[in-house]
Every structure is written in structure tokens, then in C-alpha cells.
Protein backbone atom coordinates (compact mmCIF):
# COMPACT_ATOMS: atom_id res chain seq x y z
CA UNK A 1 34.42 29.09 -28.48
CA UNK A 2 36.42 27.44 -25.99
CA UNK A 3 33.32 27.72 -23.32
CA UNK A 4 30.92 26.21 -25.84
CA UNK A 5 33.50 23.25 -26.21
CA UNK A 6 33.81 22.48 -22.71
CA UNK A 7 29.93 22.42 -22.33
CA UNK A 8 29.81 19.92 -25.22
CA UNK A 9 32.57 17.89 -23.43
CA UNK A 10 30.28 17.87 -20.06
CA UNK A 11 27.02 16.86 -22.64
CA UNK A 12 28.90 13.53 -23.19
CA UNK A 13 29.51 12.87 -19.31
CA UNK A 14 26.19 13.55 -18.45
CA UNK A 15 22.04 12.57 -19.16
CA UNK A 16 21.03 14.20 -22.09
CA UNK A 17 17.90 15.18 -19.87
CA UNK A 18 20.12 16.90 -17.46
CA UNK A 19 22.20 18.84 -19.98
CA UNK A 20 18.97 20.03 -21.76
CA UNK A 21 17.06 20.78 -18.56
CA UNK A 22 20.27 22.77 -16.89
CA UNK A 23 23.28 23.10 -18.65
CA UNK A 24 21.83 24.14 -21.84
CA UNK A 25 20.60 27.22 -20.34
CA UNK A 26 23.83 28.67 -19.43
CA UNK A 27 25.14 31.56 -21.23
CA UNK A 28 29.21 32.15 -21.49
CA UNK A 29 29.94 35.88 -20.23
CA UNK A 30 33.03 36.69 -22.05
CA UNK A 31 33.51 40.17 -20.87
CA UNK A 32 33.25 39.03 -16.90
CA UNK A 33 35.76 36.14 -17.34
CA UNK A 34 39.46 36.16 -17.39
CA UNK A 35 41.82 33.37 -17.74
CA UNK A 36 41.60 32.26 -13.98
CA UNK A 37 37.79 33.32 -13.70
CA UNK A 38 35.04 32.04 -15.77
CA UNK A 39 31.24 33.34 -15.14
CA UNK A 40 28.51 31.64 -16.84
CA UNK A 41 24.91 33.20 -16.67
CA UNK A 42 21.91 31.53 -15.55
CA UNK A 43 18.35 32.25 -16.24
CA UNK A 44 17.23 32.18 -12.41
CA UNK A 45 18.82 31.14 -8.86
CA UNK A 46 17.48 27.75 -9.25
CA UNK A 47 19.29 26.60 -12.02
CA UNK A 48 22.42 28.76 -10.66
CA UNK A 49 22.57 26.95 -7.31
CA UNK A 50 22.08 23.44 -9.10
CA UNK A 51 24.75 23.95 -11.65
CA UNK A 52 27.14 25.53 -8.83
CA UNK A 53 26.64 22.57 -6.62
CA UNK A 54 26.68 19.51 -9.10
CA UNK A 55 28.81 20.91 -11.96
CA UNK A 56 31.05 23.69 -11.24
CA UNK A 57 33.79 21.43 -10.16
CA UNK A 58 33.60 19.20 -13.42
CA UNK A 59 33.42 22.22 -15.68
CA UNK A 60 36.63 23.55 -14.03
CA UNK A 61 38.29 19.99 -14.74
CA UNK A 62 37.16 19.95 -18.47
CA UNK A 63 38.67 23.71 -18.78
CA UNK A 64 41.97 22.41 -17.46
CA UNK A 65 41.73 19.57 -19.78
CA UNK A 66 41.30 21.84 -22.94
CA UNK A 67 43.80 24.71 -21.44
CA UNK A 68 46.20 23.17 -18.92
CA UNK A 69 44.73 25.79 -16.69
CA UNK A 70 41.78 25.12 -14.08
CA UNK A 71 39.91 28.35 -13.70
CA UNK A 72 37.35 29.40 -10.86
CA UNK A 73 33.83 28.61 -12.33
CA UNK A 74 31.12 31.34 -11.24
CA UNK A 75 27.27 30.79 -12.21
CA UNK A 76 25.65 34.13 -11.92
CA UNK A 77 22.68 36.04 -12.76
CA UNK A 78 22.37 38.65 -15.05
CA UNK A 79 21.41 41.51 -12.69
CA UNK A 80 24.56 40.41 -10.71
CA UNK A 81 26.78 41.82 -13.26
CA UNK A 82 27.35 45.40 -13.24
CA UNK A 83 27.17 47.19 -16.21
CA UNK A 84 29.82 49.66 -15.47
CA UNK A 85 32.37 47.42 -13.89
CA UNK A 86 34.65 44.54 -15.54
CA UNK A 87 34.73 43.18 -12.25
CA UNK A 88 31.97 40.52 -11.56
CA UNK A 89 30.69 39.41 -8.12
CA UNK A 90 30.65 35.67 -7.64
CA UNK A 91 27.54 34.12 -6.78
CA UNK A 92 29.09 32.32 -3.91
CA UNK A 93 29.63 35.87 -2.54
CA UNK A 94 26.31 37.07 -3.44
CA UNK A 95 24.45 33.90 -1.78
CA UNK A 96 26.44 34.42 1.22
CA UNK A 97 23.81 36.60 2.57
CA UNK A 98 21.82 33.73 3.14
CA UNK A 99 24.16 30.88 3.54
CA UNK A 100 21.60 28.72 5.28
CA UNK A 101 19.43 28.21 2.18
CA UNK A 102 19.48 24.71 1.08
CA UNK A 103 20.15 23.46 -2.11
CA UNK A 104 17.05 21.87 -3.76
CA UNK A 105 16.41 20.40 -7.00
CA UNK A 106 14.94 23.09 -9.50
CA UNK A 107 12.75 20.61 -11.37
CA UNK A 108 10.55 19.86 -8.72
CA UNK A 109 7.91 22.95 -8.72
CA UNK A 110 4.31 23.31 -8.37
CA UNK A 111 4.15 23.78 -12.03
CA UNK A 112 5.70 20.33 -12.82
CA UNK A 113 3.48 18.65 -10.33
CA UNK A 114 0.46 16.63 -11.79
CA UNK A 115 -2.48 17.06 -9.61
CA UNK A 116 -5.34 14.50 -9.32
CA UNK A 117 -7.81 13.13 -6.81
CA UNK A 118 -5.05 11.16 -5.17
CA UNK A 119 -2.89 14.27 -4.22
CA UNK A 120 -5.25 17.31 -4.40
CA UNK A 121 -5.84 18.26 -0.71
CA UNK A 122 -1.92 17.64 -0.12
CA UNK A 123 -0.99 19.84 -3.35
CA UNK A 124 -3.28 22.49 -2.06
CA UNK A 125 -2.10 22.64 1.35
CA UNK A 126 1.66 22.90 0.21
CA UNK A 127 0.81 25.71 -2.04
CA UNK A 128 -0.74 27.37 0.73
CA UNK A 129 2.00 27.32 3.05
CA UNK A 130 4.49 28.02 0.38
CA UNK A 131 2.47 31.28 -0.19
CA UNK A 132 1.92 32.25 3.24
CA UNK A 133 4.32 30.28 5.65
CA UNK A 134 3.79 29.78 9.10
CA UNK A 135 0.10 31.38 8.91
CA UNK A 136 -2.04 28.85 7.31
CA UNK A 137 -0.76 25.50 8.53
CA UNK A 138 1.71 24.74 11.01
CA UNK A 139 3.35 22.18 11.15
CA UNK A 140 2.27 20.25 7.79
CA UNK A 141 2.62 16.52 7.71
CA UNK A 142 2.13 14.97 4.39
CA UNK A 143 2.14 11.08 4.44
CA UNK A 144 1.91 8.29 1.78
CA UNK A 145 3.54 5.20 0.05
CA UNK A 146 7.22 5.61 -1.53
CA UNK A 147 7.47 7.54 -4.80
CA UNK A 148 3.94 9.36 -5.28
CA UNK A 149 5.37 12.82 -4.91
CA UNK A 150 5.88 13.88 -1.32
CA UNK A 151 9.50 14.87 -1.90
CA UNK A 152 8.31 16.74 -5.02
CA UNK A 153 5.80 18.90 -3.11
CA UNK A 154 8.19 20.04 -0.30
CA UNK A 155 11.20 20.82 -2.73
CA UNK A 156 8.30 22.54 -4.52
CA UNK A 157 7.62 24.56 -1.00
CA UNK A 158 11.15 25.37 -1.00
CA UNK A 159 12.15 26.47 -4.23
CA UNK A 160 8.99 28.73 -4.27
CA UNK A 161 9.78 30.21 -0.97
CA UNK A 162 13.61 30.35 -1.75
CA UNK A 163 12.64 32.62 -4.83
CA UNK A 164 10.66 34.91 -2.71
CA UNK A 165 13.60 35.45 -0.47
CA UNK A 166 12.94 33.15 2.70
CA UNK A 167 15.80 31.14 4.00
CA UNK A 168 15.01 27.23 3.46
CA UNK A 169 16.62 24.18 5.14
CA UNK A 170 15.88 20.95 3.54
CA UNK A 171 17.28 17.59 5.14
CA UNK A 172 16.27 14.18 5.28
CA UNK A 173 15.96 12.67 9.29
CA UNK A 174 19.02 11.01 8.36
CA UNK A 175 20.87 13.95 7.36
CA UNK A 176 19.51 15.83 10.55
CA UNK A 177 20.56 12.64 12.85
CA UNK A 178 24.03 12.75 11.01
CA UNK A 179 24.31 16.29 11.53
CA UNK A 180 23.39 15.91 15.32
CA UNK A 181 25.79 13.16 15.80
CA UNK A 182 28.51 15.04 14.04
CA UNK A 183 27.93 18.14 16.27
CA UNK A 184 27.62 16.35 19.30
CA UNK A 185 30.63 14.44 18.97
CA UNK A 186 32.86 17.85 18.06
CA UNK A 187 30.99 19.76 20.92
CA UNK A 188 29.69 22.19 18.11
CA UNK A 189 25.96 22.07 19.08
CA UNK A 190 25.65 25.78 19.01
CA UNK A 191 26.58 25.39 15.30
CA UNK A 192 23.89 22.86 14.64
CA UNK A 193 21.32 24.82 16.16
CA UNK A 194 22.22 28.03 14.21
CA UNK A 195 21.67 25.85 11.30
CA UNK A 196 18.39 24.34 11.73
CA UNK A 197 16.82 26.91 13.91
CA UNK A 198 17.45 30.31 11.98
CA UNK A 199 15.41 29.58 9.06
CA UNK A 200 12.01 30.50 7.83
CA UNK A 201 10.81 27.16 6.54
CA UNK A 202 11.83 23.62 7.70
CA UNK A 203 11.45 20.90 5.35
CA UNK A 204 12.44 17.22 6.81
CA UNK A 205 11.64 14.26 4.75
CA UNK A 206 11.11 10.77 6.09
CA UNK A 207 9.81 11.42 9.37
CA UNK A 208 8.98 7.69 9.98
CA UNK A 209 13.01 7.12 10.61
CA UNK A 210 12.86 9.04 14.15
CA UNK A 211 11.24 6.02 15.27
CA UNK A 212 12.92 4.99 18.48
CA UNK A 213 15.98 7.38 17.93
CA UNK A 214 15.67 8.96 21.73
CA UNK A 215 18.49 11.41 21.39
CA UNK A 216 17.45 12.64 18.02
CA UNK A 217 13.70 13.09 18.81
CA UNK A 218 14.89 14.94 22.12
CA UNK A 219 16.79 17.58 19.70
CA UNK A 220 14.11 17.70 17.44
CA UNK A 221 11.44 18.30 19.83
CA UNK A 222 13.52 21.53 21.01
CA UNK A 223 14.20 22.23 17.32
CA UNK A 224 10.40 22.21 16.30
CA UNK A 225 9.19 24.20 19.35
CA UNK A 226 11.90 26.77 18.87
CA UNK A 227 10.43 27.27 15.14
CA UNK A 228 7.00 27.04 15.78
CA UNK A 229 7.04 29.36 18.62
CA UNK A 230 8.68 31.90 16.35
CA UNK A 231 6.25 31.32 13.64
CA UNK A 232 8.60 29.84 11.20
CA UNK A 233 6.89 26.67 8.75
CA UNK A 234 7.51 23.15 9.59
CA UNK A 235 6.69 20.69 6.70
CA UNK A 236 7.63 16.69 7.35
CA UNK A 237 6.79 13.94 5.35
CA UNK A 238 6.50 10.30 6.34
CA UNK A 239 5.22 6.79 4.77
CA UNK A 240 2.77 6.96 7.53
CA UNK A 241 0.93 9.10 9.67
CA UNK A 242 2.11 10.25 12.93
CA UNK A 243 -0.08 7.69 15.18
CA UNK A 244 1.58 5.10 13.16
CA UNK A 245 5.21 5.87 13.67
CA UNK A 246 6.33 3.41 16.10
CA UNK A 247 8.86 4.42 18.65
CA UNK A 248 7.90 8.12 18.28
CA UNK A 249 7.55 10.11 21.67
CA UNK A 250 3.91 11.14 22.32
CA UNK A 251 5.11 14.81 22.74
CA UNK A 252 6.11 14.72 19.28
CA UNK A 253 3.25 12.76 17.86
CA UNK A 254 0.83 15.41 19.04
CA UNK A 255 3.15 18.32 17.79
CA UNK A 256 2.85 16.78 14.29
CA UNK A 257 -0.85 16.62 14.66
CA UNK A 258 -1.26 20.14 15.32
CA UNK A 259 -1.58 21.69 12.11
CA UNK A 260 -2.47 19.87 8.90
CA UNK A 261 -2.13 16.20 8.15
CA UNK A 262 -2.68 15.06 4.39
CA UNK A 263 -2.22 11.90 2.64
CA UNK A 264 -1.07 11.23 -0.97
CA UNK A 265 -2.69 7.81 -2.11
CA UNK A 266 -2.19 5.70 -5.05
CA UNK A 267 -2.84 7.66 -8.14
CA UNK A 268 -5.58 6.81 -10.59
CA UNK A 269 -5.14 5.71 -14.09
CA UNK A 270 -5.81 9.50 -15.48
CA UNK A 271 -3.37 10.80 -13.07
CA UNK A 272 -0.61 8.60 -14.00
CA UNK A 273 -1.41 9.22 -17.58
CA UNK A 274 -1.27 12.96 -17.28
CA UNK A 275 1.87 11.99 -15.17
CA UNK A 276 3.52 10.73 -18.01
CA UNK A 277 2.67 13.16 -20.35
CA UNK A 278 4.24 16.12 -18.45
CA UNK A 279 7.37 14.07 -17.54
CA UNK A 280 7.34 13.63 -21.43
CA UNK A 281 6.62 17.32 -22.06
CA UNK A 282 9.33 18.59 -19.56
CA UNK A 283 12.02 16.35 -20.85
CA UNK A 284 11.44 16.47 -24.74
CA UNK A 285 10.56 12.92 -24.92
CA UNK A 286 8.06 11.75 -27.69
CA UNK A 287 6.04 8.96 -26.67
CA UNK A 288 2.67 8.12 -28.70
CA UNK A 289 -0.81 7.10 -26.66
CA UNK A 290 -0.26 3.68 -26.75
CA UNK A 291 3.19 3.83 -25.23
CA UNK A 292 1.88 5.84 -22.32
CA UNK A 293 -1.07 4.02 -21.92
CA UNK A 294 1.33 0.81 -21.66
CA UNK A 295 3.45 2.27 -19.14
CA UNK A 296 0.62 3.66 -17.09
CA UNK A 297 -1.26 0.41 -16.87
CA UNK A 298 1.75 -2.01 -16.19
CA UNK A 299 4.41 -0.24 -14.28
CA UNK A 300 2.61 -0.39 -11.04
CA UNK A 301 1.76 2.82 -9.00
CA UNK A 302 5.42 4.19 -7.78
CA UNK A 303 5.91 7.62 -9.96
CA UNK A 304 9.29 7.58 -9.28
CA UNK A 305 9.74 4.37 -10.83
CA UNK A 306 7.51 5.19 -13.84
CA UNK A 307 9.75 8.15 -14.27
CA UNK A 308 12.74 6.17 -14.22
CA UNK A 309 11.49 4.01 -16.49
CA UNK A 310 10.74 6.64 -19.16
CA UNK A 311 14.03 8.34 -18.88
CA UNK A 312 15.77 4.89 -19.27
CA UNK A 313 13.40 4.12 -22.49
CA UNK A 314 14.94 7.46 -23.84
CA UNK A 315 18.37 6.96 -23.12
CA UNK A 316 18.04 3.50 -24.57
CA UNK A 317 16.65 4.63 -27.96
CA UNK A 318 19.38 7.56 -28.36
CA UNK A 319 22.01 4.94 -27.65
CA UNK A 320 20.44 2.70 -30.40
CA UNK A 321 19.48 5.41 -32.70
CA UNK A 322 15.97 3.91 -32.57
CA UNK A 323 12.36 5.46 -32.89
CA UNK A 324 10.37 4.88 -29.69
CA UNK A 325 7.69 2.48 -31.30
CA UNK A 326 5.39 0.51 -29.16
CA UNK A 327 7.10 -2.62 -29.88
CA UNK A 328 10.61 -1.23 -29.22
CA UNK A 329 9.19 0.05 -25.80
CA UNK A 330 7.64 -3.38 -24.83
CA UNK A 331 11.01 -4.65 -25.39
CA UNK A 332 13.36 -2.27 -23.54
CA UNK A 333 10.45 -2.40 -20.44
CA UNK A 334 10.00 -6.00 -20.28
CA UNK A 335 12.66 -6.42 -17.57
CA UNK A 336 11.05 -3.54 -15.37
CA UNK A 337 7.33 -4.52 -15.42
CA UNK A 338 7.42 -7.29 -12.57
CA UNK A 339 5.00 -10.07 -13.98
CA UNK A 340 4.11 -12.34 -11.17
CA UNK A 341 1.61 -14.64 -12.92
CA UNK A 342 2.88 -17.89 -11.70
CA UNK A 343 1.75 -16.52 -8.09
CA UNK A 344 -1.84 -15.38 -9.07
CA UNK A 345 -4.63 -17.20 -7.66
CA UNK A 346 -8.42 -16.74 -8.68
CA UNK A 347 -9.19 -15.39 -5.35
CA UNK A 348 -6.82 -12.32 -6.13
CA UNK A 349 -8.23 -11.53 -9.03
CA UNK A 350 -11.75 -11.64 -7.58
CA UNK A 351 -10.63 -9.50 -4.46
CA UNK A 352 -8.97 -6.66 -7.06
CA UNK A 353 -11.98 -6.75 -8.95
CA UNK A 354 -14.40 -6.70 -5.80
CA UNK A 355 -12.54 -3.67 -3.83
CA UNK A 356 -12.12 -1.62 -7.08
CA UNK A 357 -15.49 -1.79 -8.49
CA UNK A 358 -17.32 -2.04 -5.00
CA UNK A 359 -19.00 -5.27 -5.58
CA UNK A 360 -19.06 -8.40 -3.20
CA UNK A 361 -17.06 -11.30 -4.39
CA UNK A 362 -19.76 -13.71 -3.80
CA UNK A 363 -22.07 -11.46 -6.37
CA UNK A 364 -19.21 -11.83 -9.08
CA UNK A 365 -19.63 -15.64 -8.76
CA UNK A 366 -23.27 -15.56 -8.59
CA UNK A 367 -25.96 -15.92 -11.49
CA UNK A 368 -27.11 -12.13 -10.87
CA UNK A 369 -27.81 -10.07 -14.15
CA UNK A 370 -27.31 -6.77 -13.04
CA UNK A 371 -25.19 -4.85 -15.72
CA UNK A 372 -22.18 -4.01 -13.28
CA UNK A 373 -21.95 -7.42 -11.94
CA UNK A 374 -22.36 -8.87 -15.28
CA UNK A 375 -19.26 -6.55 -16.12
CA UNK A 376 -17.32 -7.28 -13.15
CA UNK A 377 -17.94 -11.05 -14.05
CA UNK A 378 -16.68 -10.63 -17.32
CA UNK A 379 -13.50 -8.77 -16.45
CA UNK A 380 -12.82 -11.49 -13.86
CA UNK A 381 -13.01 -14.26 -16.59
CA UNK A 382 -10.96 -12.44 -18.97
CA UNK A 383 -8.09 -11.74 -16.19
CA UNK A 384 -8.26 -15.37 -14.99
CA UNK A 385 -7.84 -16.47 -18.42
CA UNK A 386 -4.99 -14.19 -19.26
CA UNK A 387 -3.24 -14.55 -15.99
CA UNK A 388 -3.50 -17.77 -14.74
CA UNK A 389 -3.42 -21.46 -16.38
CA UNK A 390 -6.72 -22.38 -15.54
CA UNK A 391 -8.80 -24.23 -18.26
CA UNK A 392 -12.30 -23.06 -19.39
CA UNK A 393 -14.27 -25.63 -17.71
CA UNK A 394 -12.17 -24.99 -14.51
CA UNK A 395 -13.22 -21.32 -14.71
CA UNK A 396 -16.71 -22.36 -15.59
CA UNK A 397 -16.98 -24.02 -12.42
CA UNK A 398 -15.30 -21.23 -10.30
CA UNK A 399 -17.74 -19.01 -11.57
CA UNK A 400 -20.57 -20.80 -11.46
CA UNK A 401 -21.43 -21.16 -15.12
CA UNK A 402 -22.88 -24.16 -17.06
CA UNK A 403 -20.03 -25.14 -18.90
CA UNK A 404 -16.94 -23.69 -20.67
CA UNK A 405 -19.13 -22.29 -23.63
CA UNK A 406 -20.42 -19.86 -21.46
CA UNK A 407 -16.74 -18.68 -20.70
CA UNK A 408 -15.86 -18.80 -24.25
CA UNK A 409 -18.95 -16.34 -24.87
CA UNK A 410 -17.87 -13.96 -22.24
CA UNK A 411 -14.48 -13.97 -23.30
CA UNK A 412 -15.66 -13.04 -26.89
CA UNK A 413 -17.95 -10.26 -25.46
CA UNK A 414 -14.93 -8.61 -23.63
CA UNK A 415 -12.57 -8.73 -26.34
CA UNK A 416 -14.91 -7.12 -28.47
CA UNK A 417 -15.35 -4.28 -25.52
CA UNK A 418 -11.18 -3.80 -25.33
CA UNK A 419 -11.35 -3.30 -29.19
CA UNK A 420 -13.94 -0.99 -29.33
CA UNK A 421 -13.95 1.06 -26.09
CA UNK A 422 -10.69 2.55 -25.11
CA UNK A 423 -12.06 3.69 -21.72
CA UNK A 424 -13.18 0.32 -20.99
CA UNK A 425 -9.75 -1.26 -22.63
CA UNK A 426 -7.58 0.94 -20.07
CA UNK A 427 -9.85 -0.07 -17.05
CA UNK A 428 -9.18 -3.72 -17.60
CA UNK A 429 -5.62 -2.93 -17.97
CA UNK A 430 -5.51 -0.99 -14.66
CA UNK A 431 -7.16 -3.92 -12.92
CA UNK A 432 -4.85 -6.29 -14.60
CA UNK A 433 -1.88 -4.19 -13.42
CA UNK A 434 -3.47 -4.44 -9.67
CA UNK A 435 -3.50 -7.68 -9.91
CA UNK A 436 0.09 -8.10 -11.20
CA UNK A 437 1.38 -5.60 -8.23
CA UNK A 438 -0.87 -6.77 -5.52
CA UNK A 439 2.16 -7.73 -3.19
CA UNK A 440 4.01 -4.59 -3.97
């Protein structure tokens, strides 16, 4: 069938993951289609919007390549096609009733978000405002380092809300600023205000970039007030809390702090492993536990980078027609795993272990025999031996031991624990990763 051939052509031009997640879900509707008008059925509005925005022009072009004619591409839902009429209603007409809705990433849902202790509160708040916008917490301000899931959460709020008939606007502060500047220059501010003030939920990413933008802050202040007084939901993200955004007007800072402020912290090892497993499950990537643990303990804490590494690994394996073994994964990812061993000092190692295990640096270097201190000291010796060029006599001197034989004994003991205790091995690997990524 022609439509199937066209989609197969598209498959060769986009990633396998995007094809399986979106394009593969489409069904050609022969009865509703004509030579100049092609209809595909999508399983839900999120996929319909995503395909229409990202791929409809490309699909039309591929039809033109195959047939010499460029049809109008319509991505519809099954219930939009009349059972009694041969004519169908294009989805762009159907959606015109709510033209202000933003196109959101349909992959970012609450179901695909992995919850751990580092993001539990932010997730709970996000779910609550999605279910009862404007009533529970307003505004919501989510902050934390780059790549930990802030954008995922606000897209999840948007997707949930759109599916329940709400008008949602999502924008980064940069997009908001560009819209503002363009409409100000073209004397069309009413159009700008209609867009941002006539929604049920306003989602704003990267609020830290409001810093020192006086005109944009002024306009955003009035937009905020208009929506808030009307009981509309406002959700913002930032890499820092409102009080730490330099150049932010006091009146905006106080408004950002009216509702709920929640942070997303660095994920603990268990959460990273769970995120990798979920990513593999959603994208149909088969990685064994050794590979998953290796990625979790060596790729740092940026979830976006971790997910990118997994996609890259799978793409490389597909191109090479190679099974993803542990050695293959290590080889492919060696450039992404930033080894900084030449810059690591013994003090760096002690500082990381001290902070993570809640033991004073002086105790790690002491002769105390408490079980937790002995374990911390052994880990310190192991990491120092594997991450620095220091000799065993030098390490014996640093850790206050009698001579190099004591260091050798501790190395033997910790290697035995690593080989026999998977939980302990993961903990050591995680501490190693903290040391390697201390400056990121």
C-alpha cells in the first residue's frame, strides 16, 4: 500500500525510537482519503498533535516523491470520522476551537516519570495541580540543576490538562521574551496578551532568564496577576529558587513564592537505575543489569545526558548490527564518560566520602576502628589507589597507617567485598562517580 511505503521511507529518515513511538501508531484511513487529501488515524490527541506538527510536511513531501502529487496530510482521531459521511473533518479544523493550546512532548507524562526521594515532593505537587489546576497550589515553582526532570514534569502537567480539555500554554522565558519583543515592535500587544492570558494553565520554563530583563519582567508581572486573579494555574521552573535569581524584581520574587516551591535534587543511585530501566522499557532497548549499573554509576547525574547516551548506544548497535554487550557498551560510551583522574586529589576523595557517608574527614584518616569509619577508610584507600597515581607508601602516610602492607591488606579486603556484595559494589561505584564529576 502506498501509505505504508511512504511511512517506511520516513522510517529511514528519523530515529527508530521516534518512528516506533509515534509514526508506527498511525493507521491509514483509505475511505476518508482522496488523491489530494490523505488521512491517518492516531490513537490519541497527544500523538496526533505531535505528528501533525513535526512530520506532516515531511509525509506530504514523501507522497509527492512517490506519486508526483503533494496531498494535504490530516492526522485525526477515530471519533472525528463520521460513519455516515465520506468526507472527514481535518484535525486542524477540529483543534481550531482551542487554538491557544501548545504542542507538548507526548513522551513526557506522569506515567513515564520515575519517582525517587530526590523528586518525590515536586512530582506530588505537579500531579496535584494537574488534577485540580488553580485550586491546590498556585503558583508552583520547581527548581533544580539542568537535566533532572523539571521540563518533564511541566510537560506532564500540560499533557494531563490538555487531555482533560484545558487550554495550556507552554513557553520558555526566551520564547516569552521573543514573543513580547516581536509584538511590541509590530504594535500587536493585544495579540500577545490574548495568547498568554486566555489559557487555563501557563507553563514557563527557565524562569532564571528573567534576570535583569526589566521590560519582560514588567509584562510578565501583569500576565501573572491577570491569570492568578482569574484562578488560572501558573507553573514555573528554574535552575535556582526565586530568592537566588539575581536581577529579579522583588514583586515578582514574592509572587513566585506565594504558592509551592519544590526542588528536584540529584538522583540517588536507585533512582538513576530505575530511570534507565524505564527508558529502556519505553524505547524497547534491551540492556542487561551490568550495563544499566555501569551507566548509572559512570554517567553523572544529568538524566537528559543519561537518556541521550542510551539512545546513542542503541543507535550505534543498530548501525553496526551488534548485540549490546557490556564490553560493547563500555567502548561506545568511553567518550561520553568523562574521566578526570589526572586532576583528582586525595582531599577530593576524602571530601566526597565524608559528605556522602556523614563521617568527618579527620575520622577517615584516624586510627578509629568503628565499623562505619573502617568502611569509609577502605573505600577512600580503594578510590585513591584506582583514581590517583599515588603509591601505597604514600597512601599509608596519608591515611596514618604503619606501612604499605596495611594499604595492601585493605585493598584485598575491599576487592573481596566488591566481588561478593553487589550493593556495596554499587555504592563504591557511585562514590567513584561523585569524585569523577565533582566539578560538573
